[in-house]
Protein backbone atom coordinates (compact mmCIF):
# COMPACT_ATOMS: atom_id res chain seq x y z
CA MET A 1 126.86 58.48 286.07
CA ARG A 2 122.94 58.36 285.44
CA THR A 3 121.68 61.27 288.03
CA SER A 4 117.69 61.93 288.68
CA ALA A 5 117.42 65.38 290.67
CA ILE A 6 114.73 65.15 293.23
CA SER A 7 114.03 69.14 292.55
CA GLY A 8 115.36 70.33 289.42
CA ALA A 9 114.46 73.69 290.84
CA PHE A 10 117.10 73.03 293.70
CA LEU A 11 119.84 71.45 291.29
CA ALA A 12 119.23 74.23 289.00
CA ALA A 13 119.97 76.78 291.56
CA CYS A 14 123.01 74.93 292.25
CA PRO A 15 125.00 74.20 289.37
CA LEU A 16 127.93 71.42 290.30
CA ILE A 17 131.04 73.50 289.84
CA PHE A 18 132.80 73.53 293.36
CA ALA A 19 134.37 77.14 292.91
CA ASN A 20 130.95 78.77 292.68
CA ALA A 21 128.26 76.05 294.22
CA ALA A 22 127.28 77.25 297.42
CA HIS A 23 127.42 74.24 300.47
CA ALA A 24 126.30 70.96 299.79
CA SER A 25 123.30 69.75 300.65
CA SER A 26 123.12 66.29 300.14
CA ILE A 27 124.49 63.17 297.65
CA LEU A 28 122.87 59.73 297.67
CA PHE A 29 124.18 57.25 295.54
CA THR A 30 122.60 54.12 294.76
CA ASP A 31 123.02 50.16 293.60
CA ALA A 32 126.68 50.65 294.06
CA THR A 33 129.69 48.47 294.93
CA ILE A 34 131.09 49.80 298.14
CA ILE A 35 134.72 49.58 299.99
CA SER A 36 133.70 50.57 303.17
CA PHE A 37 135.76 49.80 306.57
CA ASP A 38 135.39 47.78 309.25
CA GLU A 39 137.16 49.44 312.48
CA ALA A 40 136.75 46.52 314.41
CA THR A 41 138.85 44.58 312.30
CA ASN A 42 140.62 47.31 310.47
CA ARG A 43 139.84 45.98 307.30
CA THR A 44 138.31 46.82 304.41
CA ARG A 45 134.37 45.39 304.11
CA ILE A 46 132.94 45.00 300.75
CA LEU A 47 129.03 45.80 300.39
CA GLU A 48 127.20 45.18 297.20
CA ASN A 49 124.28 46.59 295.60
CA SER A 50 124.32 49.45 298.40
CA SER A 51 123.65 52.93 298.62
CA LEU A 52 125.58 56.02 300.15
CA LEU A 53 124.17 59.04 301.69
CA LEU A 54 126.35 62.18 301.73
CA GLU A 55 125.36 64.84 304.21
CA ASP A 56 126.73 68.50 303.54
CA ASP A 57 130.61 67.26 303.85
CA ARG A 58 130.16 63.44 305.66
CA ILE A 59 129.12 60.43 305.48
CA SER A 60 125.79 59.91 306.99
CA GLY A 61 124.65 56.74 306.02
CA ILE A 62 125.74 53.19 304.30
CA PHE A 63 122.55 50.90 303.58
CA GLU A 64 122.28 47.78 302.07
CA THR A 65 119.48 48.65 299.48
CA ALA A 66 118.27 52.10 298.92
CA PRO A 67 117.08 54.17 301.97
CA THR A 68 113.05 55.23 301.39
CA SER A 69 113.44 58.67 303.32
CA TYR A 70 116.52 61.14 302.74
CA PRO A 71 116.47 64.57 303.31
CA ASN A 72 114.70 67.06 300.76
CA GLY A 73 116.38 68.10 298.04
CA THR A 74 118.73 65.26 297.98
CA GLU A 75 120.58 64.51 294.20
CA VAL A 76 120.05 60.66 293.42
CA VAL A 77 123.37 59.21 291.61
CA ASN A 78 122.37 56.01 290.11
CA ALA A 79 125.43 54.31 290.56
CA THR A 80 124.54 50.29 289.45
CA GLY A 81 128.48 48.89 287.52
CA LYS A 82 130.29 51.62 289.49
CA ILE A 83 132.68 51.09 292.47
CA LEU A 84 132.48 54.00 295.30
CA SER A 85 135.93 53.99 297.01
CA PRO A 86 137.58 56.15 299.22
CA GLY A 87 139.47 59.33 298.37
CA PHE A 88 142.79 58.44 297.92
CA VAL A 89 145.26 60.19 300.67
CA ASN A 90 148.91 61.64 299.63
CA THR A 91 151.30 61.96 301.82
CA HIS A 92 153.98 63.60 300.62
CA HIS A 93 153.93 66.11 297.52
CA HIS A 94 155.46 69.67 295.74
CA LEU A 95 152.36 70.74 293.53
CA TRP A 96 153.71 73.72 292.60
CA GLN A 97 156.32 72.16 290.38
CA THR A 98 154.02 71.84 287.57
CA ALA A 99 155.78 73.20 284.81
CA LEU A 100 158.92 71.89 285.05
CA LYS A 101 156.96 68.51 283.18
CA THR A 102 159.03 66.23 281.13
CA ILE A 103 162.43 68.40 281.01
CA ALA A 104 163.52 66.19 284.54
CA SER A 105 162.60 62.53 282.79
CA ASN A 106 166.62 60.98 283.39
CA THR A 107 167.59 62.73 286.25
CA THR A 108 168.53 62.20 290.03
CA LEU A 109 168.33 63.73 293.32
CA VAL A 110 171.85 65.05 292.76
CA GLU A 111 170.50 66.66 289.74
CA TYR A 112 167.37 68.19 291.40
CA TYR A 113 169.15 69.59 294.50
CA GLN A 114 170.95 71.93 291.27
CA ARG A 115 167.97 71.99 288.96
CA TYR A 116 164.71 71.96 289.83
CA GLY A 117 164.02 71.80 293.97
CA GLU A 118 163.58 74.83 296.44
CA PHE A 119 167.40 76.17 295.77
CA SER A 120 167.05 75.79 292.20
CA PRO A 121 166.89 78.58 289.55
CA THR A 122 163.10 78.37 290.02
CA ILE A 123 164.03 81.22 292.47
CA GLN A 124 164.42 83.11 289.42
CA PHE A 125 162.44 81.81 286.90
CA MET A 126 159.10 81.58 288.52
CA THR A 127 157.20 84.50 289.17
CA PRO A 128 154.18 84.32 292.15
CA GLU A 129 151.65 83.78 289.26
CA ASP A 130 153.80 81.03 287.82
CA LYS A 131 153.60 79.14 291.01
CA PHE A 132 150.14 79.97 291.77
CA LEU A 133 149.15 78.32 288.24
CA GLY A 134 151.77 75.25 288.96
CA THR A 135 150.17 74.45 292.47
CA LEU A 136 146.78 75.17 290.92
CA THR A 137 146.99 72.57 287.99
CA GLY A 138 149.07 70.49 290.57
CA ALA A 139 145.92 70.15 292.66
CA LEU A 140 143.73 69.83 289.82
CA GLU A 141 145.77 66.90 288.52
CA LEU A 142 145.56 65.07 291.86
CA LEU A 143 142.15 65.21 291.45
CA ASN A 144 141.46 64.31 288.33
CA SER A 145 143.33 60.98 289.24
CA GLY A 146 141.63 60.32 292.47
CA THR A 147 143.54 61.98 295.22
CA THR A 148 141.20 63.86 297.77
CA THR A 149 143.81 64.58 300.61
CA VAL A 150 147.40 65.89 300.12
CA LEU A 151 150.14 66.67 302.46
CA ASP A 152 151.73 69.35 300.26
CA HIS A 153 155.57 69.95 301.58
CA ALA A 154 155.09 73.71 300.11
CA HIS A 155 158.46 74.39 299.40
CA GLY A 156 158.23 76.57 296.43
CA ASP A 157 157.98 79.88 298.95
CA SER A 158 161.01 81.85 297.88
CA SER A 159 159.36 84.96 298.89
CA ASP A 160 156.28 86.43 300.48
CA GLU A 161 154.29 87.15 297.11
CA THR A 162 155.15 83.68 295.84
CA ALA A 163 154.23 82.14 299.30
CA ASP A 164 151.05 84.01 298.93
CA ALA A 165 150.28 82.75 296.02
CA ILE A 166 150.95 79.01 296.36
CA PHE A 167 148.43 79.47 299.65
CA ASN A 168 145.92 81.81 297.29
CA ALA A 169 146.25 78.41 295.17
CA THR A 170 145.66 75.93 297.41
CA LEU A 171 142.83 77.44 298.80
CA SER A 172 141.24 78.12 295.02
CA SER A 173 141.79 74.16 294.16
CA GLY A 174 138.79 72.10 296.14
CA LEU A 175 141.48 69.76 297.01
CA ARG A 176 141.57 68.79 300.99
CA THR A 177 145.03 70.07 301.30
CA PHE A 178 147.48 70.00 304.58
CA HIS A 179 149.73 73.01 303.24
CA ALA A 180 153.37 72.07 304.95
CA PHE A 181 154.77 75.72 304.37
CA THR A 182 158.16 75.75 304.41
CA VAL A 183 160.76 77.31 306.45
CA HIS A 184 164.33 77.06 304.75
CA ASP A 185 167.12 79.24 304.62
CA ILE A 186 167.33 79.17 300.62
CA GLY A 187 170.24 81.94 300.09
CA ASN A 188 168.39 85.24 298.67
CA ASN A 189 167.08 87.51 300.99
CA TYR A 190 164.03 85.69 302.04
CA SER A 191 164.84 84.88 305.80
CA THR A 192 163.43 82.40 307.81
CA THR A 193 162.50 85.36 310.43
CA ALA A 194 160.24 86.34 307.47
CA GLN A 195 158.93 83.04 306.42
CA MET A 196 157.53 82.77 310.22
CA ALA A 197 156.11 85.56 310.25
CA LYS A 198 154.25 84.94 307.00
CA LEU A 199 153.18 81.23 308.39
CA ALA A 200 151.83 83.14 311.45
CA SER A 201 149.83 85.65 308.75
CA PHE A 202 148.22 82.61 307.33
CA ALA A 203 147.29 81.03 310.60
CA SER A 204 145.03 84.01 311.13
CA ASP A 205 144.10 84.12 307.51
CA THR A 206 140.22 84.25 307.97
CA ARG A 207 139.52 82.70 304.75
CA LEU A 208 140.64 79.14 306.43
CA ALA A 209 137.47 79.68 309.12
CA SER A 210 135.24 79.41 305.49
CA ASN A 211 137.24 76.68 303.81
CA SER A 212 137.24 73.51 306.05
CA LEU A 213 139.45 71.57 303.25
CA VAL A 214 142.75 73.52 303.76
CA GLU A 215 144.79 72.91 307.00
CA LEU A 216 148.03 74.29 307.67
CA GLY A 217 151.45 72.44 308.65
CA LEU A 218 154.73 73.20 308.37
CA GLY A 219 157.78 71.94 306.41
CA TYR A 220 161.61 71.94 307.70
CA ASP A 221 164.54 70.14 306.85
CA PHE A 222 167.00 71.30 309.07
CA PHE A 223 166.78 69.43 312.26
CA ALA A 224 170.17 68.37 312.56
CA ALA A 225 171.89 71.44 311.65
CA ALA A 226 169.65 74.22 313.63
CA ASP A 227 170.22 75.59 316.78
CA GLU A 228 168.45 75.19 320.11
CA GLU A 229 166.81 78.59 319.34
CA THR A 230 165.66 78.39 316.34
CA LEU A 231 164.09 75.27 317.28
CA SER A 232 162.36 76.10 320.38
CA GLU A 233 160.93 78.97 317.73
CA LEU A 234 159.13 76.80 315.82
CA TRP A 235 158.19 74.72 318.01
CA ASP A 236 156.32 77.68 319.92
CA LEU A 237 154.98 78.70 316.10
CA VAL A 238 153.80 75.13 315.68
CA GLN A 239 152.02 75.46 318.97
CA SER A 240 150.66 78.63 318.53
CA THR A 241 149.18 78.84 315.31
CA ASN A 242 147.81 75.25 316.12
CA LEU A 243 149.32 73.66 313.00
CA SER A 244 148.16 70.26 312.15
CA VAL A 245 150.84 68.40 310.55
CA VAL A 246 154.83 68.65 310.48
CA THR A 247 156.19 66.91 307.70
CA THR A 248 160.42 66.39 306.84
CA HIS A 249 162.73 64.71 304.56
CA TYR A 250 164.40 62.07 305.76
CA LEU A 251 166.70 59.45 303.32
CA GLY A 252 169.64 58.46 306.04
CA GLY A 253 171.95 55.90 304.65
CA PRO A 254 174.66 57.24 302.02
CA TRP A 255 172.22 60.52 301.38
CA SER A 256 173.09 61.20 305.28
CA ALA A 257 170.35 61.11 308.36
CA LEU A 258 169.55 64.70 308.70
CA ASN A 259 166.16 64.17 310.10
CA SER A 260 165.86 61.00 311.42
CA PRO A 261 163.02 59.93 313.95
CA GLU A 262 165.77 59.25 316.31
CA LEU A 263 166.64 62.76 315.91
CA LEU A 264 163.12 64.24 316.27
CA HIS A 265 162.48 61.66 318.93
CA SER A 266 165.14 62.83 320.78
CA LEU A 267 164.30 66.93 320.54
CA GLY A 268 160.89 65.67 321.94
CA TRP A 269 158.71 66.54 318.68
CA LEU A 270 157.53 62.96 317.87
CA ASN A 271 155.54 62.01 321.51
CA THR A 272 152.79 64.43 321.01
CA SER A 273 149.52 64.31 319.73
CA LEU A 274 150.87 66.36 316.50
CA PRO A 275 151.16 63.75 313.46
CA VAL A 276 155.09 64.40 312.31
CA VAL A 277 155.31 62.70 308.54
CA PHE A 278 159.14 61.16 307.20
CA SER A 279 159.27 61.29 303.87
CA HIS A 280 160.68 58.92 302.27
CA ALA A 281 163.32 57.07 304.90
CA SER A 282 164.77 55.38 302.56
CA PHE A 283 167.44 53.99 305.00
CA ILE A 284 165.46 53.61 307.84
CA THR A 285 167.42 52.16 310.94
CA ALA A 286 166.08 49.73 313.39
CA THR A 287 165.91 52.61 316.34
CA ASP A 288 164.26 54.91 313.90
CA MET A 289 161.04 52.27 313.41
CA THR A 290 161.27 51.68 317.29
CA ALA A 291 160.61 55.33 317.55
CA LEU A 292 158.30 55.75 314.81
CA ARG A 293 156.45 52.44 316.45
CA SER A 294 156.57 53.82 320.41
CA THR A 295 154.92 57.69 319.31
CA SER A 296 152.25 55.76 316.20
CA GLN A 297 154.30 58.52 313.71
CA TYR A 298 154.43 57.71 310.15
CA ILE A 299 156.67 57.47 307.07
CA SER A 300 155.25 58.47 303.23
CA THR A 301 157.04 56.39 301.05
CA THR A 302 156.63 57.61 297.45
CA PRO A 303 157.70 54.40 295.37
CA GLU A 304 158.03 56.14 291.90
CA SER A 305 160.31 58.75 292.75
CA GLU A 306 162.67 57.15 294.63
CA MET A 307 163.21 54.90 291.66
CA HIS A 308 162.94 57.77 289.41
CA TYR A 309 165.87 59.91 291.45
CA GLY A 310 168.34 57.09 293.06
CA HIS A 311 167.62 57.44 296.56
CA THR A 312 165.66 54.08 296.42
CA HIS A 313 163.47 52.27 299.53
CA PRO A 314 165.68 49.32 300.55
CA TYR A 315 164.06 49.04 304.21
CA GLY A 316 160.80 50.68 303.14
CA ASP A 317 159.03 47.08 303.85
CA LEU A 318 160.14 46.76 306.77
CA ILE A 319 157.84 49.47 308.29
CA GLN A 320 154.63 49.52 306.65
CA ASP A 321 152.59 49.29 309.57
CA GLN A 322 153.79 52.75 310.14
CA ALA A 323 153.64 54.01 306.60
CA ALA A 324 151.32 55.47 303.84
CA LEU A 325 152.22 56.52 300.13
CA GLY A 326 152.89 59.54 298.52
CA VAL A 327 153.65 60.63 294.93
CA ASP A 328 156.37 63.05 295.29
CA THR A 329 157.13 65.12 292.20
CA HIS A 330 154.76 64.59 289.68
CA PHE A 331 156.37 66.97 287.01
CA THR A 332 158.66 63.78 286.47
CA PHE A 333 155.63 61.40 286.00
CA GLU A 334 151.87 61.08 286.47
CA ALA A 335 150.22 62.19 290.00
CA SER A 336 147.91 58.63 290.20
CA MET A 337 148.12 57.17 293.58
CA VAL A 338 146.83 53.64 291.97
CA SER A 339 150.29 53.93 290.10
CA GLN A 340 152.24 54.27 293.32
CA ALA A 341 150.15 51.43 294.98
CA ARG A 342 150.40 49.41 292.23
CA MET A 343 154.30 50.07 291.95
CA TRP A 344 155.07 49.42 295.75
CA LEU A 345 152.94 46.33 295.82
CA GLN A 346 154.63 44.75 293.05
CA SER A 347 158.47 46.09 293.55
CA THR A 348 157.66 44.36 297.19
CA ARG A 349 156.75 41.53 295.82
CA ARG A 350 159.99 41.11 293.91
CA LYS A 351 161.92 41.98 296.64
CA ARG A 352 160.53 39.43 299.41
CA PHE A 353 160.21 36.80 295.93
CA GLU A 354 163.87 37.06 295.25
CA GLN A 355 164.78 36.58 299.09
CA VAL A 356 163.14 32.88 298.73
CA LEU A 357 164.83 32.62 295.15
CA ASP A 358 168.29 33.16 296.50
CA THR A 359 167.89 30.12 298.96
CA GLN A 360 167.17 27.98 296.10
CA GLU A 361 163.46 27.54 296.35
CA VAL A 362 160.88 28.53 294.68
CA PRO A 363 157.70 30.97 296.49
CA ALA A 364 154.65 29.61 297.21
CA SER A 365 152.36 32.09 298.44
CA ASN A 366 152.56 35.83 297.54
CA PRO A 367 153.84 37.90 300.41
CA MET A 368 151.81 41.42 299.75
CA SER A 369 148.31 41.47 298.82
CA VAL A 370 145.95 44.07 297.00
CA GLU A 371 144.24 44.58 299.64
CA GLN A 372 147.42 46.33 301.78
CA ALA A 373 148.22 48.50 298.71
CA PHE A 374 144.63 49.62 298.83
CA TYR A 375 145.35 50.27 303.03
CA LEU A 376 148.42 52.22 302.13
CA MET A 377 147.08 54.76 300.04
CA THR A 378 143.60 55.26 301.79
CA ARG A 379 143.22 54.57 305.49
CA ALA A 380 146.93 54.39 306.50
CA GLY A 381 147.34 58.05 305.09
CA GLY A 382 144.24 59.08 307.40
CA LEU A 383 146.01 57.58 309.93
CA ALA A 384 149.37 59.56 308.91
CA LEU A 385 147.84 62.67 309.42
CA ARG A 386 145.97 61.65 312.62
CA ARG A 387 142.57 61.87 311.03
CA PRO A 388 140.41 58.38 311.07
CA ASP A 389 137.65 60.49 309.69
CA LEU A 390 139.66 60.54 305.54
CA GLY A 391 140.42 57.39 303.55
CA VAL A 392 137.49 55.43 304.45
CA LEU A 393 134.07 55.24 303.90
CA VAL A 394 132.33 54.70 307.30
CA GLU A 395 129.32 56.78 308.53
CA GLY A 396 130.47 59.94 309.99
CA ALA A 397 133.99 60.13 308.06
CA LYS A 398 134.65 63.10 305.54
CA ALA A 399 132.36 62.89 302.34
CA ASP A 400 135.41 62.20 299.88
CA VAL A 401 134.50 59.53 297.80
CA LEU A 402 135.30 58.02 294.12
CA VAL A 403 133.13 57.06 291.52
CA MET A 404 135.12 54.14 289.39
CA ASP A 405 133.59 52.72 286.20
CA GLY A 406 133.53 49.22 286.57
CA ASP A 407 132.67 49.06 282.45
CA SER A 408 135.50 50.06 281.09
CA PRO A 409 137.54 47.89 278.80
CA ASN A 410 140.07 47.56 281.48
CA MET A 411 138.21 46.97 284.55
CA LEU A 412 135.13 45.05 282.90
CA GLY A 413 134.93 41.40 284.23
CA TRP A 414 136.05 42.62 288.00
CA ASN A 415 134.88 40.90 290.76
CA ASP A 416 136.94 41.96 293.20
CA PRO A 417 136.48 45.61 293.41
CA ILE A 418 139.47 45.86 295.71
CA ALA A 419 142.09 43.98 293.00
CA ALA A 420 139.86 45.73 290.15
CA VAL A 421 140.97 49.41 291.51
CA ILE A 422 144.96 48.24 292.26
CA LEU A 423 145.63 46.05 289.50
CA HIS A 424 143.15 47.26 286.78
CA SER A 425 141.94 50.88 287.16
CA ASN A 426 143.41 53.72 285.40
CA PRO A 427 142.84 57.86 285.61
CA GLY A 428 140.37 57.70 283.09
CA ASP A 429 138.49 55.24 285.00
CA VAL A 430 137.52 57.95 287.86
CA GLU A 431 134.60 59.04 286.67
CA GLY A 432 133.49 60.85 289.75
CA VAL A 433 135.28 63.05 292.71
CA VAL A 434 133.29 64.21 295.72
CA VAL A 435 135.26 66.28 298.14
CA GLY A 436 133.89 67.39 301.85
CA GLY A 437 130.36 66.62 299.68
CA GLN A 438 131.30 68.79 296.69
CA TRP A 439 131.93 67.50 293.16
CA ALA A 440 134.95 67.96 292.19
CA LYS A 441 135.08 65.63 288.71
CA ARG A 442 131.95 64.79 287.09
CA ASP A 443 130.75 62.48 284.22
CA GLY A 444 134.90 62.49 283.67
CA LYS A 445 135.62 66.15 283.91
CA LEU A 446 137.07 68.33 286.47
CA THR A 447 134.46 70.97 287.57
CA TYR A 448 136.73 73.75 288.25
CA ASP A 449 135.20 77.00 287.01
CA GLY A 450 137.37 78.53 284.68
CA TYR A 451 139.63 75.32 283.97
CA ALA A 452 140.37 76.51 280.59
CA ASP A 453 141.30 79.61 281.32
CA VAL A 454 143.78 78.40 283.95
CA LYS A 455 145.02 75.68 281.26
CA ARG A 456 145.72 78.40 278.77
CA ARG A 457 147.68 80.49 281.36
CA PHE A 458 149.63 77.57 282.50
CA LYS A 459 150.70 76.51 279.02
CA GLU A 460 152.25 80.16 278.39
CA SER A 461 154.03 79.97 281.94
CA ALA A 462 154.82 76.62 281.35
CA LYS A 463 156.68 77.01 277.89
CA ARG A 464 158.31 80.14 279.03
CA ILE A 465 160.24 78.35 282.33
CA GLN A 466 161.23 75.70 280.31
CA ASN A 467 162.83 78.19 277.38
CA ASP A 468 164.48 79.39 280.12
CA TYR A 469 165.57 76.15 281.30
CA ALA A 470 166.95 74.93 278.00
CA GLY A 471 169.17 78.35 277.77
CA GLN A 472 170.86 77.68 281.21
CA GLU A 473 174.37 76.51 281.45
CA TRP A 474 174.62 73.48 284.11
CA GLY A 475 177.92 72.93 286.21
CA PRO A 476 178.76 68.83 286.93
CA VAL A 477 177.45 67.91 289.69
CA ASP A 478 180.00 64.74 290.19
CA GLN A 479 182.43 66.56 291.83
CA GLY A 480 183.27 66.49 295.58
CA LEU A 481 181.21 65.20 298.19
CA PHE A 482 176.97 65.09 298.24
CA GLN A 483 176.30 66.47 301.70
CA GLN A 484 179.29 66.64 302.68
CA THR A 485 178.76 63.00 303.30
CA SER A 486 178.90 60.49 300.14
CA PHE A 487 181.09 60.20 297.24
CA ILE A 488 179.21 60.67 293.93
CA GLY A 489 179.78 57.62 291.62
CA HIS A 490 177.87 56.77 288.36
CA PRO A 491 175.93 53.81 287.19
CA ARG A 492 176.37 51.45 284.25
CA VAL A 493 174.08 52.95 281.56
CA VAL A 494 171.89 50.35 279.55
CA ASP A 495 172.99 49.61 276.30
CA THR A 496 169.26 49.18 274.27
CA LEU A 497 171.24 48.84 270.78
CA PRO A 498 172.83 46.35 268.73
CA GLY A 499 176.28 47.22 268.12
CA ASP A 500 177.36 50.45 268.42
CA GLY A 501 175.91 53.42 270.66
CA THR A 502 173.23 52.49 273.39
CA GLY A 503 170.43 54.16 272.73
CA TYR A 504 170.41 56.32 275.42
């Protein structure tokens, strides 16, 4: 990006480093291709050679030419050849698990429960500092690839100290985060009563008042097992602390239906002003879909994790009108929302194409567009959180903006900016990221103050944790019933080698 400063003294006094910067004044992007949004048609609107003005944490104007007047001290960015996109909205993630990266490359969901999730030896292996660093580096990884908003199902809390560490990292990250503090019975001495008290204390934390990027929510996965008194206490806590969101995992089918939309609707949790996001919903039923549509609640499809772990998503394409996208576990694959949107687009296309081919016909049209995929990782994410000011570039929306390099080798020659982003871009093309009017990534580099030291500390933490995992002896996971519901089977292993051996 080429930048000219309206006031050199002003810019010198306000370095573009999120952690230390004063509150944003204004930024004007000129001569850009802007992926805006038409709220009347509910479709994207492409503006060529146009300008975008950010003031404080909002978009204050979009202009077809460069405006002749703007606030004194405005930073002017020449965005010729750039694509300005709304920041991506990730509606399901677990930020704290970064230190497990690459050690679960060939895992399954059954193994995940034993080794990597909230009930795993991470309770013993990870200190509060480990979870602070994992959460912070996870958040920065999202920012680097263009995610500006995340719903973090923060289930790494195994004590007050680890809960504090995860929350502190969230507050310092510069990522817009819906921090869904998780209440769960994890089998140690951290009681659910203590957890609810900790969530209440976070709600009264004075730092939230000065950090407009972080909002609190509840993560809870035990709706089917909880007694009426517990659910009543939780709902009272949600209401009394004015939480912004509730999120729960739901798979259904052979995985069991412990937190279905049908169940939560019967409990009275859906038909309120509070957003409730159901992660995965792999085997969602027709009754579940009706409950979601009648209450305007959403699922979060995480395409890669659902294929990586084996829970899949056989019915997700039937409820895309009430769906957004997420990443889930970035320790098993990279965290780009573009990757998730592209993967979902192509796998959905394949499924619909196969339905035609199965009738001995050939498809003449494409069943899903790049615009629909783009919508799912932007506008739909904002609607899932009941935040129409997120995931769009319109006047009055939050100043969460991506600057995409249109001249990289893989982007060169683009005509359709949405197709360019969905089908041709990668995280390296995210040249700039603005969250709430502040630069989080600039000229291709994260602006987080002290990032080099964070990386050094994190690498030491991850190495120690992964060494602990390497020495762990794991029992078999294929015995008995999964969740007291289904038998555990083995898929046929792929053979990539001629002759003996499979190459696995």
